[in-house]
Amino acid sequence: MGDDFYFRVYEVIAQIPYGKVTTYGAIARYLGISRSARLVGMACAAAAGKLDLPFHRVVNRNGELTGKHNFPTSDFMEQMLTAEGVKLINGCVDLKNFLWEPEIY
């Protein structure tokens, strides 16, 4: 997977609505590579601090803030999500109420 794949990941991340999150797996499924959540994570890590996109809105399938090591502080993701009204339960996003899935056309 090359730069084109990363660009496609970033296009999806740019669409995540304020106050919602999506998962690495949901992005992978949308892009037609359903078993490639880790590649989506690698794309996010590659752009950490370089692109003005809402990377804080991408979590793992359990709602865990696994990308937090790519931000200035370990609680940055949680602070950003909380400021948007996203509820966390025991450190995980309440996916039942805050999950956004990209639509496959």
PDB file of N, CA and C in Angstrom:
ATOM      1  N   MET A   1       0.847  -1.181   0.000  1.00  0.00           N
ATOM      2  CA  MET A   1       0.000   0.000   0.000  1.00  0.00           C
ATOM      3  C   MET A   1       0.895   1.248   0.000  1.00  0.00           C
ATOM      4  N   GLY A   2       0.548   2.157  -0.844  1.00  0.00           N
ATOM      5  CA  GLY A   2       1.386   3.334  -0.969  1.00  0.00           C
ATOM      6  C   GLY A   2       0.687   4.618  -0.610  1.00  0.00           C
ATOM      7  N   ASP A   3       1.223   5.696  -1.150  1.00  0.00           N
ATOM      8  CA  ASP A   3       0.707   7.034  -0.864  1.00  0.00           C
ATOM      9  C   ASP A   3      -0.765   7.181  -1.243  1.00  0.00           C
ATOM     10  N   ASP A   4      -1.193   6.525  -2.319  1.00  0.00           N
ATOM     11  CA  ASP A   4      -2.586   6.612  -2.741  1.00  0.00           C
ATOM     12  C   ASP A   4      -3.508   6.051  -1.660  1.00  0.00           C
ATOM     13  N   PHE A   5      -3.123   4.939  -1.065  1.00  0.00           N
ATOM     14  CA  PHE A   5      -3.914   4.355   0.016  1.00  0.00           C
ATOM     15  C   PHE A   5      -3.993   5.320   1.184  1.00  0.00           C
ATOM     16  N   TYR A   6      -2.858   5.880   1.588  1.00  0.00           N
ATOM     17  CA  TYR A   6      -2.841   6.829   2.699  1.00  0.00           C
ATOM     18  C   TYR A   6      -3.753   8.013   2.391  1.00  0.00           C
ATOM     19  N   PHE A   7      -3.683   8.536   1.175  1.00  0.00           N
ATOM     20  CA  PHE A   7      -4.527   9.666   0.788  1.00  0.00           C
ATOM     21  C   PHE A   7      -6.001   9.299   0.929  1.00  0.00           C
ATOM     22  N   ARG A   8      -6.378   8.086   0.522  1.00  0.00           N
ATOM     23  CA  ARG A   8      -7.770   7.644   0.635  1.00  0.00           C
ATOM     24  C   ARG A   8      -8.197   7.546   2.100  1.00  0.00           C
ATOM     25  N   VAL A   9      -7.299   7.085   2.963  1.00  0.00           N
ATOM     26  CA  VAL A   9      -7.584   7.037   4.404  1.00  0.00           C
ATOM     27  C   VAL A   9      -7.838   8.450   4.911  1.00  0.00           C
ATOM     28  N   TYR A  10      -6.991   9.382   4.527  1.00  0.00           N
ATOM     29  CA  TYR A  10      -7.122  10.766   4.994  1.00  0.00           C
ATOM     30  C   TYR A  10      -8.417  11.405   4.500  1.00  0.00           C
ATOM     31  N   GLU A  11      -8.858  11.044   3.302  1.00  0.00           N
ATOM     32  CA  GLU A  11     -10.133  11.561   2.793  1.00  0.00           C
ATOM     33  C   GLU A  11     -11.298  11.110   3.673  1.00  0.00           C
ATOM     34  N   VAL A  12     -11.255   9.867   4.127  1.00  0.00           N
ATOM     35  CA  VAL A  12     -12.316   9.368   5.004  1.00  0.00           C
ATOM     36  C   VAL A  12     -12.255  10.073   6.355  1.00  0.00           C
ATOM     37  N   ILE A  13     -11.075  10.206   6.918  1.00  0.00           N
ATOM     38  CA  ILE A  13     -10.920  10.853   8.225  1.00  0.00           C
ATOM     39  C   ILE A  13     -11.440  12.289   8.179  1.00  0.00           C
ATOM     40  N   ALA A  14     -11.227  12.962   7.076  1.00  0.00           N
ATOM     41  CA  ALA A  14     -11.704  14.344   6.933  1.00  0.00           C
ATOM     42  C   ALA A  14     -13.224  14.435   7.010  1.00  0.00           C
ATOM     43  N   GLN A  15     -13.929  13.338   6.751  1.00  0.00           N
ATOM     44  CA  GLN A  15     -15.393  13.333   6.745  1.00  0.00           C
ATOM     45  C   GLN A  15     -16.015  12.991   8.101  1.00  0.00           C
ATOM     46  N   ILE A  16     -15.228  12.553   9.067  1.00  0.00           N
ATOM     47  CA  ILE A  16     -15.796  12.143  10.352  1.00  0.00           C
ATOM     48  C   ILE A  16     -16.445  13.363  11.006  1.00  0.00           C
ATOM     49  N   PRO A  17     -17.732  13.271  11.305  1.00  0.00           N
ATOM     50  CA  PRO A  17     -18.432  14.430  11.878  1.00  0.00           C
ATOM     51  C   PRO A  17     -17.948  14.778  13.293  1.00  0.00           C
ATOM     52  N   TYR A  18     -18.047  16.041  13.601  1.00  0.00           N
ATOM     53  CA  TYR A  18     -17.771  16.543  14.948  1.00  0.00           C
ATOM     54  C   TYR A  18     -18.652  15.777  15.937  1.00  0.00           C
ATOM     55  N   GLY A  19     -18.067  15.325  17.040  1.00  0.00           N
ATOM     56  CA  GLY A  19     -18.837  14.615  18.055  1.00  0.00           C
ATOM     57  C   GLY A  19     -19.066  13.145  17.759  1.00  0.00           C
ATOM     58  N   LYS A  20     -18.399  12.628  16.747  1.00  0.00           N
ATOM     59  CA  LYS A  20     -18.497  11.214  16.387  1.00  0.00           C
ATOM     60  C   LYS A  20     -17.098  10.630  16.250  1.00  0.00           C
ATOM     61  N   VAL A  21     -17.017   9.315  16.263  1.00  0.00           N
ATOM     62  CA  VAL A  21     -15.757   8.623  16.010  1.00  0.00           C
ATOM     63  C   VAL A  21     -16.014   7.515  15.004  1.00  0.00           C
ATOM     64  N   THR A  22     -14.946   7.023  14.421  1.00  0.00           N
ATOM     65  CA  THR A  22     -15.020   5.814  13.622  1.00  0.00           C
ATOM     66  C   THR A  22     -13.841   4.939  14.020  1.00  0.00           C
ATOM     67  N   THR A  23     -13.805   3.741  13.475  1.00  0.00           N
ATOM     68  CA  THR A  23     -12.741   2.807  13.830  1.00  0.00           C
ATOM     69  C   THR A  23     -11.805   2.593  12.645  1.00  0.00           C
ATOM     70  N   TYR A  24     -10.624   2.086  12.964  1.00  0.00           N
ATOM     71  CA  TYR A  24      -9.669   1.744  11.914  1.00  0.00           C
ATOM     72  C   TYR A  24     -10.297   0.716  10.977  1.00  0.00           C
ATOM     73  N   GLY A  25     -11.001  -0.244  11.549  1.00  0.00           N
ATOM     74  CA  GLY A  25     -11.645  -1.287  10.760  1.00  0.00           C
ATOM     75  C   GLY A  25     -12.752  -0.763   9.868  1.00  0.00           C
ATOM     76  N   ALA A  26     -13.531   0.194  10.362  1.00  0.00           N
ATOM     77  CA  ALA A  26     -14.607   0.771   9.554  1.00  0.00           C
ATOM     78  C   ALA A  26     -14.030   1.491   8.339  1.00  0.00           C
ATOM     79  N   ILE A  27     -12.925   2.173   8.532  1.00  0.00           N
ATOM     80  CA  ILE A  27     -12.270   2.855   7.411  1.00  0.00           C
ATOM     81  C   ILE A  27     -11.762   1.816   6.414  1.00  0.00           C
ATOM     82  N   ALA A  28     -11.147   0.758   6.909  1.00  0.00           N
ATOM     83  CA  ALA A  28     -10.637  -0.299   6.031  1.00  0.00           C
ATOM     84  C   ALA A  28     -11.770  -0.941   5.233  1.00  0.00           C
ATOM     85  N   ARG A  29     -12.882  -1.243   5.901  1.00  0.00           N
ATOM     86  CA  ARG A  29     -14.038  -1.835   5.193  1.00  0.00           C
ATOM     87  C   ARG A  29     -14.540  -0.892   4.103  1.00  0.00           C
ATOM     88  N   TYR A  30     -14.650   0.381   4.428  1.00  0.00           N
ATOM     89  CA  TYR A  30     -15.111   1.373   3.457  1.00  0.00           C
ATOM     90  C   TYR A  30     -14.205   1.404   2.225  1.00  0.00           C
ATOM     91  N   LEU A  31     -12.905   1.245   2.460  1.00  0.00           N
ATOM     92  CA  LEU A  31     -11.938   1.298   1.360  1.00  0.00           C
ATOM     93  C   LEU A  31     -11.815  -0.040   0.624  1.00  0.00           C
ATOM     94  N   GLY A  32     -12.587  -1.046   1.064  1.00  0.00           N
ATOM     95  CA  GLY A  32     -12.592  -2.330   0.380  1.00  0.00           C
ATOM     96  C   GLY A  32     -11.494  -3.286   0.773  1.00  0.00           C
ATOM     97  N   ILE A  33     -10.863  -3.027   1.905  1.00  0.00           N
ATOM     98  CA  ILE A  33      -9.798  -3.912   2.395  1.00  0.00           C
ATOM     99  C   ILE A  33     -10.086  -4.249   3.857  1.00  0.00           C
ATOM    100  N   SER A  34     -11.174  -4.956   4.052  1.00  0.00           N
ATOM    101  CA  SER A  34     -11.766  -5.131   5.381  1.00  0.00           C
ATOM    102  C   SER A  34     -10.829  -5.682   6.453  1.00  0.00           C
ATOM    103  N   ARG A  35      -9.826  -6.412   6.116  1.00  0.00           N
ATOM    104  CA  ARG A  35      -8.950  -6.982   7.137  1.00  0.00           C
ATOM    105  C   ARG A  35      -7.646  -6.192   7.275  1.00  0.00           C
ATOM    106  N   SER A  36      -7.701  -4.916   7.017  1.00  0.00           N
ATOM    107  CA  SER A  36      -6.487  -4.098   7.014  1.00  0.00           C
ATOM    108  C   SER A  36      -6.547  -2.917   7.972  1.00  0.00           C
ATOM    109  N   ALA A  37      -7.161  -3.108   9.116  1.00  0.00           N
ATOM    110  CA  ALA A  37      -7.255  -2.029  10.104  1.00  0.00           C
ATOM    111  C   ALA A  37      -5.868  -1.527  10.509  1.00  0.00           C
ATOM    112  N   ARG A  38      -4.910  -2.427  10.592  1.00  0.00           N
ATOM    113  CA  ARG A  38      -3.547  -2.011  10.985  1.00  0.00           C
ATOM    114  C   ARG A  38      -2.935  -1.070   9.957  1.00  0.00           C
ATOM    115  N   LEU A  39      -3.222  -1.307   8.684  1.00  0.00           N
ATOM    116  CA  LEU A  39      -2.708  -0.403   7.649  1.00  0.00           C
ATOM    117  C   LEU A  39      -3.299   0.989   7.804  1.00  0.00           C
ATOM    118  N   VAL A  40      -4.561   1.047   8.180  1.00  0.00           N
ATOM    119  CA  VAL A  40      -5.196   2.346   8.431  1.00  0.00           C
ATOM    120  C   VAL A  40      -4.490   3.028   9.601  1.00  0.00           C
ATOM    121  N   GLY A  41      -4.197   2.269  10.649  1.00  0.00           N
ATOM    122  CA  GLY A  41      -3.464   2.805  11.789  1.00  0.00           C
ATOM    123  C   GLY A  41      -2.088   3.320  11.394  1.00  0.00           C
ATOM    124  N   MET A  42      -1.428   2.602  10.505  1.00  0.00           N
ATOM    125  CA  MET A  42      -0.102   3.043  10.040  1.00  0.00           C
ATOM    126  C   MET A  42      -0.218   4.344   9.254  1.00  0.00           C
ATOM    127  N   ALA A  43      -1.284   4.473   8.472  1.00  0.00           N
ATOM    128  CA  ALA A  43      -1.496   5.723   7.729  1.00  0.00           C
ATOM    129  C   ALA A  43      -1.708   6.886   8.687  1.00  0.00           C
ATOM    130  N   CYS A  44      -2.465   6.635   9.753  1.00  0.00           N
ATOM    131  CA  CYS A  44      -2.699   7.681  10.759  1.00  0.00           C
ATOM    132  C   CYS A  44      -1.393   8.076  11.437  1.00  0.00           C
ATOM    133  N   ALA A  45      -0.603   7.090  11.820  1.00  0.00           N
ATOM    134  CA  ALA A  45       0.663   7.356  12.500  1.00  0.00           C
ATOM    135  C   ALA A  45       1.627   8.118  11.591  1.00  0.00           C
ATOM    136  N   ALA A  46       1.600   7.803  10.298  1.00  0.00           N
ATOM    137  CA  ALA A  46       2.507   8.461   9.356  1.00  0.00           C
ATOM    138  C   ALA A  46       2.220   9.957   9.227  1.00  0.00           C
ATOM    139  N   ALA A  47       0.976  10.350   9.475  1.00  0.00           N
ATOM    140  CA  ALA A  47       0.595  11.755   9.323  1.00  0.00           C
ATOM    141  C   ALA A  47       0.524  12.498  10.646  1.00  0.00           C
ATOM    142  N   ALA A  48       0.843  11.818  11.729  1.00  0.00           N
ATOM    143  CA  ALA A  48       0.741  12.429  13.062  1.00  0.00           C
ATOM    144  C   ALA A  48       1.485  13.755  13.118  1.00  0.00           C
ATOM    145  N   GLY A  49       0.754  14.810  13.449  1.00  0.00           N
ATOM    146  CA  GLY A  49       1.341  16.135  13.578  1.00  0.00           C
ATOM    147  C   GLY A  49       1.642  16.829  12.263  1.00  0.00           C
ATOM    148  N   LYS A  50       1.315  16.180  11.144  1.00  0.00           N
ATOM    149  CA  LYS A  50       1.650  16.751   9.839  1.00  0.00           C
ATOM    150  C   LYS A  50       0.431  17.256   9.074  1.00  0.00           C
ATOM    151  N   LEU A  51      -0.727  16.672   9.336  1.00  0.00           N
ATOM    152  CA  LEU A  51      -1.942  17.062   8.626  1.00  0.00           C
ATOM    153  C   LEU A  51      -2.989  17.556   9.609  1.00  0.00           C
ATOM    154  N   ASP A  52      -3.736  18.535   9.196  1.00  0.00           N
ATOM    155  CA  ASP A  52      -4.795  19.086  10.045  1.00  0.00           C
ATOM    156  C   ASP A  52      -6.091  18.307   9.793  1.00  0.00           C
ATOM    157  N   LEU A  53      -6.141  17.104  10.354  1.00  0.00           N
ATOM    158  CA  LEU A  53      -7.303  16.232  10.227  1.00  0.00           C
ATOM    159  C   LEU A  53      -7.708  15.752  11.616  1.00  0.00           C
ATOM    160  N   PRO A  54      -8.951  15.345  11.795  1.00  0.00           N
ATOM    161  CA  PRO A  54      -9.407  14.916  13.120  1.00  0.00           C
ATOM    162  C   PRO A  54      -9.013  13.468  13.458  1.00  0.00           C
ATOM    163  N   PHE A  55      -7.720  13.222  13.514  1.00  0.00           N
ATOM    164  CA  PHE A  55      -7.229  11.881  13.829  1.00  0.00           C
ATOM    165  C   PHE A  55      -7.694  11.424  15.209  1.00  0.00           C
ATOM    166  N   HIS A  56      -8.003  12.371  16.087  1.00  0.00           N
ATOM    167  CA  HIS A  56      -8.463  12.006  17.434  1.00  0.00           C
ATOM    168  C   HIS A  56      -9.807  11.298  17.390  1.00  0.00           C
ATOM    169  N   ARG A  57     -10.486  11.335  16.257  1.00  0.00           N
ATOM    170  CA  ARG A  57     -11.797  10.694  16.113  1.00  0.00           C
ATOM    171  C   ARG A  57     -11.703   9.259  15.582  1.00  0.00           C
ATOM    172  N   VAL A  58     -10.497   8.711  15.504  1.00  0.00           N
ATOM    173  CA  VAL A  58     -10.312   7.330  15.044  1.00  0.00           C
ATOM    174  C   VAL A  58      -9.859   6.488  16.239  1.00  0.00           C
ATOM    175  N   VAL A  59     -10.640   5.460  16.539  1.00  0.00           N
ATOM    176  CA  VAL A  59     -10.372   4.588  17.685  1.00  0.00           C
ATOM    177  C   VAL A  59     -10.363   3.133  17.229  1.00  0.00           C
ATOM    178  N   ASN A  60     -10.012   2.226  18.141  1.00  0.00           N
ATOM    179  CA  ASN A  60     -10.037   0.826  17.744  1.00  0.00           C
ATOM    180  C   ASN A  60     -11.442   0.257  17.864  1.00  0.00           C
ATOM    181  N   ARG A  61     -11.613  -0.989  17.509  1.00  0.00           N
ATOM    182  CA  ARG A  61     -12.952  -1.605  17.446  1.00  0.00           C
ATOM    183  C   ARG A  61     -13.669  -1.666  18.784  1.00  0.00           C
ATOM    184  N   ASN A  62     -12.914  -1.541  19.877  1.00  0.00           N
ATOM    185  CA  ASN A  62     -13.506  -1.539  21.211  1.00  0.00           C
ATOM    186  C   ASN A  62     -13.731  -0.136  21.756  1.00  0.00           C
ATOM    187  N   GLY A  63     -13.379   0.874  20.970  1.00  0.00           N
ATOM    188  CA  GLY A  63     -13.514   2.258  21.405  1.00  0.00           C
ATOM    189  C   GLY A  63     -12.318   2.765  22.185  1.00  0.00           C
ATOM    190  N   GLU A  64     -11.245   1.960  22.228  1.00  0.00           N
ATOM    191  CA  GLU A  64     -10.047   2.367  22.957  1.00  0.00           C
ATOM    192  C   GLU A  64      -9.285   3.426  22.169  1.00  0.00           C
ATOM    193  N   LEU A  65      -8.654   4.332  22.884  1.00  0.00           N
ATOM    194  CA  LEU A  65      -7.911   5.437  22.271  1.00  0.00           C
ATOM    195  C   LEU A  65      -6.484   4.984  21.976  1.00  0.00           C
ATOM    196  N   THR A  66      -6.339   4.019  21.076  1.00  0.00           N
ATOM    197  CA  THR A  66      -5.035   3.404  20.813  1.00  0.00           C
ATOM    198  C   THR A  66      -4.070   4.327  20.084  1.00  0.00           C
ATOM    199  N   GLY A  67      -4.548   5.375  19.456  1.00  0.00           N
ATOM    200  CA  GLY A  67      -3.665   6.302  18.747  1.00  0.00           C
ATOM    201  C   GLY A  67      -3.117   7.414  19.619  1.00  0.00           C
ATOM    202  N   LYS A  68      -3.409   7.370  20.912  1.00  0.00           N
ATOM    203  CA  LYS A  68      -3.053   8.500  21.781  1.00  0.00           C
ATOM    204  C   LYS A  68      -1.559   8.779  21.859  1.00  0.00           C
ATOM    205  N   HIS A  69      -0.732   7.789  21.559  1.00  0.00           N
ATOM    206  CA  HIS A  69       0.717   8.021  21.603  1.00  0.00           C
ATOM    207  C   HIS A  69       1.209   8.909  20.461  1.00  0.00           C
ATOM    208  N   ASN A  70       0.346   9.187  19.486  1.00  0.00           N
ATOM    209  CA  ASN A  70       0.706  10.051  18.359  1.00  0.00           C
ATOM    210  C   ASN A  70       0.371  11.521  18.600  1.00  0.00           C
ATOM    211  N   PHE A  71      -0.098  11.841  19.797  1.00  0.00           N
ATOM    212  CA  PHE A  71      -0.503  13.207  20.113  1.00  0.00           C
ATOM    213  C   PHE A  71       0.439  13.821  21.141  1.00  0.00           C
ATOM    214  N   PRO A  72       0.365  15.144  21.330  1.00  0.00           N
ATOM    215  CA  PRO A  72       1.301  15.838  22.222  1.00  0.00           C
ATOM    216  C   PRO A  72       1.331  15.290  23.658  1.00  0.00           C
ATOM    217  N   THR A  73       0.175  14.884  24.181  1.00  0.00           N
ATOM    218  CA  THR A  73       0.124  14.318  25.536  1.00  0.00           C
ATOM    219  C   THR A  73      -0.749  13.060  25.497  1.00  0.00           C
ATOM    220  N   SER A  74      -0.598  12.212  26.493  1.00  0.00           N
ATOM    221  CA  SER A  74      -1.330  10.946  26.506  1.00  0.00           C
ATOM    222  C   SER A  74      -2.837  11.132  26.692  1.00  0.00           C
ATOM    223  N   ASP A  75      -3.258  12.295  27.198  1.00  0.00           N
ATOM    224  CA  ASP A  75      -4.694  12.512  27.386  1.00  0.00           C
ATOM    225  C   ASP A  75      -5.292  13.476  26.353  1.00  0.00           C
ATOM    226  N   PHE A  76      -4.532  13.820  25.328  1.00  0.00           N
ATOM    227  CA  PHE A  76      -4.984  14.761  24.300  1.00  0.00           C
ATOM    228  C   PHE A  76      -6.237  14.257  23.586  1.00  0.00           C
ATOM    229  N   MET A  77      -6.219  12.999  23.141  1.00  0.00           N
ATOM    230  CA  MET A  77      -7.377  12.439  22.427  1.00  0.00           C
ATOM    231  C   MET A  77      -8.624  12.514  23.294  1.00  0.00           C
ATOM    232  N   GLU A  78      -8.483  12.101  24.542  1.00  0.00           N
ATOM    233  CA  GLU A  78      -9.630  12.108  25.450  1.00  0.00           C
ATOM    234  C   GLU A  78     -10.146  13.526  25.651  1.00  0.00           C
ATOM    235  N   GLN A  79      -9.252  14.482  25.812  1.00  0.00           N
ATOM    236  CA  GLN A  79      -9.661  15.871  25.993  1.00  0.00           C
ATOM    237  C   GLN A  79     -10.409  16.397  24.767  1.00  0.00           C
ATOM    238  N   MET A  80      -9.887  16.098  23.591  1.00  0.00           N
ATOM    239  CA  MET A  80     -10.522  16.566  22.354  1.00  0.00           C
ATOM    240  C   MET A  80     -11.908  15.944  22.191  1.00  0.00           C
ATOM    241  N   LEU A  81     -12.013  14.642  22.418  1.00  0.00           N
ATOM    242  CA  LEU A  81     -13.297  13.960  22.264  1.00  0.00           C
ATOM    243  C   LEU A  81     -14.305  14.449  23.291  1.00  0.00           C
ATOM    244  N   THR A  82     -13.862  14.611  24.521  1.00  0.00           N
ATOM    245  CA  THR A  82     -14.751  15.093  25.580  1.00  0.00           C
ATOM    246  C   THR A  82     -15.249  16.501  25.254  1.00  0.00           C
ATOM    247  N   ALA A  83     -14.370  17.339  24.712  1.00  0.00           N
ATOM    248  CA  ALA A  83     -14.764  18.698  24.331  1.00  0.00           C
ATOM    249  C   ALA A  83     -15.825  18.684  23.227  1.00  0.00           C
ATOM    250  N   GLU A  84     -15.850  17.614  22.432  1.00  0.00           N
ATOM    251  CA  GLU A  84     -16.850  17.485  21.371  1.00  0.00           C
ATOM    252  C   GLU A  84     -18.125  16.806  21.869  1.00  0.00           C
ATOM    253  N   GLY A  85     -18.148  16.438  23.141  1.00  0.00           N
ATOM    254  CA  GLY A  85     -19.335  15.811  23.700  1.00  0.00           C
ATOM    255  C   GLY A  85     -19.357  14.297  23.619  1.00  0.00           C
ATOM    256  N   VAL A  86     -18.261  13.699  23.185  1.00  0.00           N
ATOM    257  CA  VAL A  86     -18.175  12.235  23.095  1.00  0.00           C
ATOM    258  C   VAL A  86     -17.985  11.677  24.503  1.00  0.00           C
ATOM    259  N   LYS A  87     -18.805  10.706  24.853  1.00  0.00           N
ATOM    260  CA  LYS A  87     -18.747  10.094  26.183  1.00  0.00           C
ATOM    261  C   LYS A  87     -17.826   8.884  26.164  1.00  0.00           C
ATOM    262  N   LEU A  88     -17.010   8.800  27.213  1.00  0.00           N
ATOM    263  CA  LEU A  88     -16.143   7.648  27.395  1.00  0.00           C
ATOM    264  C   LEU A  88     -16.584   6.893  28.637  1.00  0.00           C
ATOM    265  N   ILE A  89     -16.498   5.580  28.560  1.00  0.00           N
ATOM    266  CA  ILE A  89     -16.825   4.714  29.685  1.00  0.00           C
ATOM    267  C   ILE A  89     -15.580   3.886  29.976  1.00  0.00           C
ATOM    268  N   ASN A  90     -15.019   4.085  31.153  1.00  0.00           N
ATOM    269  CA  ASN A  90     -13.778   3.388  31.533  1.00  0.00           C
ATOM    270  C   ASN A  90     -12.679   3.587  30.489  1.00  0.00           C
ATOM    271  N   GLY A  91     -12.556   4.796  29.985  1.00  0.00           N
ATOM    272  CA  GLY A  91     -11.504   5.129  29.034  1.00  0.00           C
ATOM    273  C   GLY A  91     -11.784   4.750  27.595  1.00  0.00           C
ATOM    274  N   CYS A  92     -12.958   4.207  27.318  1.00  0.00           N
ATOM    275  CA  CYS A  92     -13.325   3.808  25.950  1.00  0.00           C
ATOM    276  C   CYS A  92     -14.528   4.613  25.482  1.00  0.00           C
ATOM    277  N   VAL A  93     -14.540   4.926  24.200  1.00  0.00           N
ATOM    278  CA  VAL A  93     -15.667   5.653  23.618  1.00  0.00           C
ATOM    279  C   VAL A  93     -16.906   4.761  23.645  1.00  0.00           C
ATOM    280  N   ASP A  94     -18.020   5.350  23.984  1.00  0.00           N
ATOM    281  CA  ASP A  94     -19.312   4.674  23.941  1.00  0.00           C
ATOM    282  C   ASP A  94     -19.717   4.550  22.467  1.00  0.00           C
ATOM    283  N   LEU A  95     -19.278   3.472  21.824  1.00  0.00           N
ATOM    284  CA  LEU A  95     -19.510   3.307  20.390  1.00  0.00           C
ATOM    285  C   LEU A  95     -20.982   3.175  20.037  1.00  0.00           C
ATOM    286  N   LYS A  96     -21.769   2.669  20.950  1.00  0.00           N
ATOM    287  CA  LYS A  96     -23.200   2.512  20.680  1.00  0.00           C
ATOM    288  C   LYS A  96     -23.828   3.859  20.320  1.00  0.00           C
ATOM    289  N   ASN A  97     -23.349   4.917  20.943  1.00  0.00           N
ATOM    290  CA  ASN A  97     -23.946   6.237  20.737  1.00  0.00           C
ATOM    291  C   ASN A  97     -23.108   7.204  19.896  1.00  0.00           C
ATOM    292  N   PHE A  98     -21.831   6.905  19.697  1.00  0.00           N
ATOM    293  CA  PHE A  98     -20.967   7.889  19.044  1.00  0.00           C
ATOM    294  C   PHE A  98     -20.239   7.379  17.796  1.00  0.00           C
ATOM    295  N   LEU A  99     -20.557   6.152  17.366  1.00  0.00           N
ATOM    296  CA  LEU A  99     -19.890   5.596  16.189  1.00  0.00           C
ATOM    297  C   LEU A  99     -20.478   6.147  14.897  1.00  0.00           C
ATOM    298  N   TRP A 100     -19.600   6.565  14.013  1.00  0.00           N
ATOM    299  CA  TRP A 100     -19.970   6.973  12.658  1.00  0.00           C
ATOM    300  C   TRP A 100     -19.321   5.975  11.701  1.00  0.00           C
ATOM    301  N   GLU A 101     -20.116   5.424  10.823  1.00  0.00           N
ATOM    302  CA  GLU A 101     -19.597   4.495   9.821  1.00  0.00           C
ATOM    303  C   GLU A 101     -19.631   5.174   8.453  1.00  0.00           C
ATOM    304  N   PRO A 102     -18.501   5.185   7.760  1.00  0.00           N
ATOM    305  CA  PRO A 102     -18.530   5.749   6.405  1.00  0.00           C
ATOM    306  C   PRO A 102     -19.488   4.933   5.545  1.00  0.00           C
ATOM    307  N   GLU A 103     -20.247   5.600   4.712  1.00  0.00           N
ATOM    308  CA  GLU A 103     -21.217   4.911   3.870  1.00  0.00           C
ATOM    309  C   GLU A 103     -20.570   4.409   2.600  1.00  0.00           C
ATOM    310  N   ILE A 104     -20.852   3.164   2.281  1.00  0.00           N
ATOM    311  CA  ILE A 104     -20.327   2.558   1.055  1.00  0.00           C
ATOM    312  C   ILE A 104     -21.386   2.751  -0.026  1.00  0.00           C
ATOM    313  N   TYR A 105     -20.983   3.390  -1.092  1.00  0.00           N
ATOM    314  CA  TYR A 105     -21.922   3.670  -2.189  1.00  0.00           C
ATOM    315  C   TYR A 105     -21.806   2.617  -3.257  1.00  0.00           C
TER     316      TYR A 105
END
